Amino acid sequence: MIDDLPARYREYLDRFMTEIGDKTAGAYVKFSGKLIQKLSFEEFTPVYLDYQEVLKRYTESIERGDTINDVVLRLLREKSASLVLPNPAD
């Protein structure tokens, strides 16, 4: 399934404005204990798609009852922070 990427980007911009404030693309800020950069649409797209893949694999692992590796949790935290999303693993 392919998401409506422009709509997902607008949601990201709304979250960014609400959680962090008005910053220009490329600006670095702290969010959820991590230093993140406000993404342009071109930067957002691969990060979002990668996050969706990691989230899918994480969710499948949880549903199967697999043990989750700390590396996977750290990766999911980093990707969710970069998209100004709550960490689904918390």
C-alpha atoms as a PDB file:
ATOM      1  CA  MET A   1       0.000   0.000   0.000  1.00  0.00           C
ATOM      2  CA  ILE A   2       1.367   3.402  -0.975  1.00  0.00           C
ATOM      3  CA  ASP A   3       0.500   6.282   1.321  1.00  0.00           C
ATOM      4  CA  ASP A   4      -0.509   9.711   0.160  1.00  0.00           C
ATOM      5  CA  LEU A   5       2.957  11.136   0.834  1.00  0.00           C
ATOM      6  CA  PRO A   6       1.997  14.816   0.438  1.00  0.00           C
ATOM      7  CA  ALA A   7      -0.762  14.314   3.032  1.00  0.00           C
ATOM      8  CA  ARG A   8       1.642  12.507   5.393  1.00  0.00           C
ATOM      9  CA  TYR A   9       4.107  15.392   4.974  1.00  0.00           C
ATOM     10  CA  ARG A  10       1.422  17.958   5.838  1.00  0.00           C
ATOM     11  CA  GLU A  11       0.632  15.919   8.973  1.00  0.00           C
ATOM     12  CA  TYR A  12       4.350  15.928   9.828  1.00  0.00           C
ATOM     13  CA  LEU A  13       4.487  19.712   9.389  1.00  0.00           C
ATOM     14  CA  ASP A  14       1.430  20.102  11.635  1.00  0.00           C
ATOM     15  CA  ARG A  15       3.004  17.864  14.316  1.00  0.00           C
ATOM     16  CA  PHE A  16       6.286  19.751  14.024  1.00  0.00           C
ATOM     17  CA  MET A  17       4.553  23.121  14.442  1.00  0.00           C
ATOM     18  CA  THR A  18       2.501  21.887  17.410  1.00  0.00           C
ATOM     19  CA  GLU A  19       5.297  20.058  19.244  1.00  0.00           C
ATOM     20  CA  ILE A  20       8.303  22.214  18.368  1.00  0.00           C
ATOM     21  CA  GLY A  21       7.226  25.443  16.726  1.00  0.00           C
ATOM     22  CA  ASP A  22       7.910  27.301  13.529  1.00  0.00           C
ATOM     23  CA  LYS A  23      11.343  26.348  12.197  1.00  0.00           C
ATOM     24  CA  THR A  24      12.740  26.407   8.690  1.00  0.00           C
ATOM     25  CA  ALA A  25      13.551  23.194   6.841  1.00  0.00           C
ATOM     26  CA  GLY A  26      17.047  22.087   7.757  1.00  0.00           C
ATOM     27  CA  ALA A  27      16.918  23.544  11.279  1.00  0.00           C
ATOM     28  CA  TYR A  28      18.044  21.259  14.111  1.00  0.00           C
ATOM     29  CA  VAL A  29      15.968  20.936  17.274  1.00  0.00           C
ATOM     30  CA  LYS A  30      15.668  18.619  20.281  1.00  0.00           C
ATOM     31  CA  PHE A  31      12.633  16.341  20.372  1.00  0.00           C
ATOM     32  CA  SER A  32      12.046  13.331  22.586  1.00  0.00           C
ATOM     33  CA  GLY A  33      15.629  13.499  23.816  1.00  0.00           C
ATOM     34  CA  LYS A  34      17.038  13.396  20.291  1.00  0.00           C
ATOM     35  CA  LEU A  35      18.543  16.033  18.011  1.00  0.00           C
ATOM     36  CA  ILE A  36      16.426  16.033  14.857  1.00  0.00           C
ATOM     37  CA  GLN A  37      16.353  18.099  11.697  1.00  0.00           C
ATOM     38  CA  LYS A  38      13.202  19.584  10.191  1.00  0.00           C
ATOM     39  CA  LEU A  39      12.806  17.741   6.927  1.00  0.00           C
ATOM     40  CA  SER A  40      11.903  19.061   3.494  1.00  0.00           C
ATOM     41  CA  PHE A  41       9.435  16.945   1.515  1.00  0.00           C
ATOM     42  CA  GLU A  42      12.311  15.379  -0.432  1.00  0.00           C
ATOM     43  CA  GLU A  43      14.058  14.410   2.821  1.00  0.00           C
ATOM     44  CA  PHE A  44      10.831  13.334   4.511  1.00  0.00           C
ATOM     45  CA  THR A  45       9.784  10.789   1.895  1.00  0.00           C
ATOM     46  CA  PRO A  46      12.587   8.201   2.327  1.00  0.00           C
ATOM     47  CA  VAL A  47      12.590   8.663   6.121  1.00  0.00           C
ATOM     48  CA  TYR A  48       8.829   8.103   6.279  1.00  0.00           C
ATOM     49  CA  LEU A  49       8.919   5.054   4.007  1.00  0.00           C
ATOM     50  CA  ASP A  50      11.782   3.564   6.022  1.00  0.00           C
ATOM     51  CA  TYR A  51       9.896   4.238   9.279  1.00  0.00           C
ATOM     52  CA  GLN A  52       6.803   2.504   7.900  1.00  0.00           C
ATOM     53  CA  GLU A  53       8.878  -0.577   7.014  1.00  0.00           C
ATOM     54  CA  VAL A  54      10.527  -0.728  10.452  1.00  0.00           C
ATOM     55  CA  LEU A  55       7.151  -0.218  12.160  1.00  0.00           C
ATOM     56  CA  LYS A  56       5.590  -2.995  10.067  1.00  0.00           C
ATOM     57  CA  ARG A  57       8.361  -5.437  10.988  1.00  0.00           C
ATOM     58  CA  TYR A  58       8.175  -4.411  14.661  1.00  0.00           C
ATOM     59  CA  THR A  59       4.395  -4.902  14.726  1.00  0.00           C
ATOM     60  CA  GLU A  60       4.679  -8.299  13.025  1.00  0.00           C
ATOM     61  CA  SER A  61       7.319  -9.370  15.555  1.00  0.00           C
ATOM     62  CA  ILE A  62       5.120  -8.323  18.477  1.00  0.00           C
ATOM     63  CA  GLU A  63       2.147 -10.180  17.018  1.00  0.00           C
ATOM     64  CA  ARG A  64       4.245 -13.350  16.627  1.00  0.00           C
ATOM     65  CA  GLY A  65       5.546 -13.013  20.172  1.00  0.00           C
ATOM     66  CA  ASP A  66       9.167 -12.619  19.075  1.00  0.00           C
ATOM     67  CA  THR A  67      11.804 -11.187  21.373  1.00  0.00           C
ATOM     68  CA  ILE A  68      12.567  -7.644  20.233  1.00  0.00           C
ATOM     69  CA  ASN A  69      16.216  -6.718  19.834  1.00  0.00           C
ATOM     70  CA  ASP A  70      17.390  -3.488  21.517  1.00  0.00           C
ATOM     71  CA  VAL A  71      18.824  -2.343  18.172  1.00  0.00           C
ATOM     72  CA  VAL A  72      15.357  -2.528  16.616  1.00  0.00           C
ATOM     73  CA  LEU A  73      13.880  -0.525  19.491  1.00  0.00           C
ATOM     74  CA  ARG A  74      16.589   2.133  19.196  1.00  0.00           C
ATOM     75  CA  LEU A  75      16.061   2.344  15.421  1.00  0.00           C
ATOM     76  CA  LEU A  76      12.309   2.703  15.884  1.00  0.00           C
ATOM     77  CA  ARG A  77      12.809   5.431  18.527  1.00  0.00           C
ATOM     78  CA  GLU A  78      15.175   7.371  16.264  1.00  0.00           C
ATOM     79  CA  LYS A  79      12.894   7.141  13.243  1.00  0.00           C
ATOM     80  CA  SER A  80       9.765   8.083  15.170  1.00  0.00           C
ATOM     81  CA  ALA A  81      11.556  11.070  16.739  1.00  0.00           C
ATOM     82  CA  SER A  82      12.776  12.275  13.348  1.00  0.00           C
ATOM     83  CA  LEU A  83       9.140  12.282  12.177  1.00  0.00           C
ATOM     84  CA  VAL A  84       7.915  13.921  15.418  1.00  0.00           C
ATOM     85  CA  LEU A  85       5.874  10.821  16.215  1.00  0.00           C
ATOM     86  CA  PRO A  86       5.414   9.111  19.568  1.00  0.00           C
ATOM     87  CA  ASN A  87       7.468   5.957  19.866  1.00  0.00           C
ATOM     88  CA  PRO A  88       5.125   3.001  19.342  1.00  0.00           C
ATOM     89  CA  ALA A  89       7.402   0.831  21.487  1.00  0.00           C
ATOM     90  CA  ASP A  90       6.767   2.942  24.614  1.00  0.00           C
END
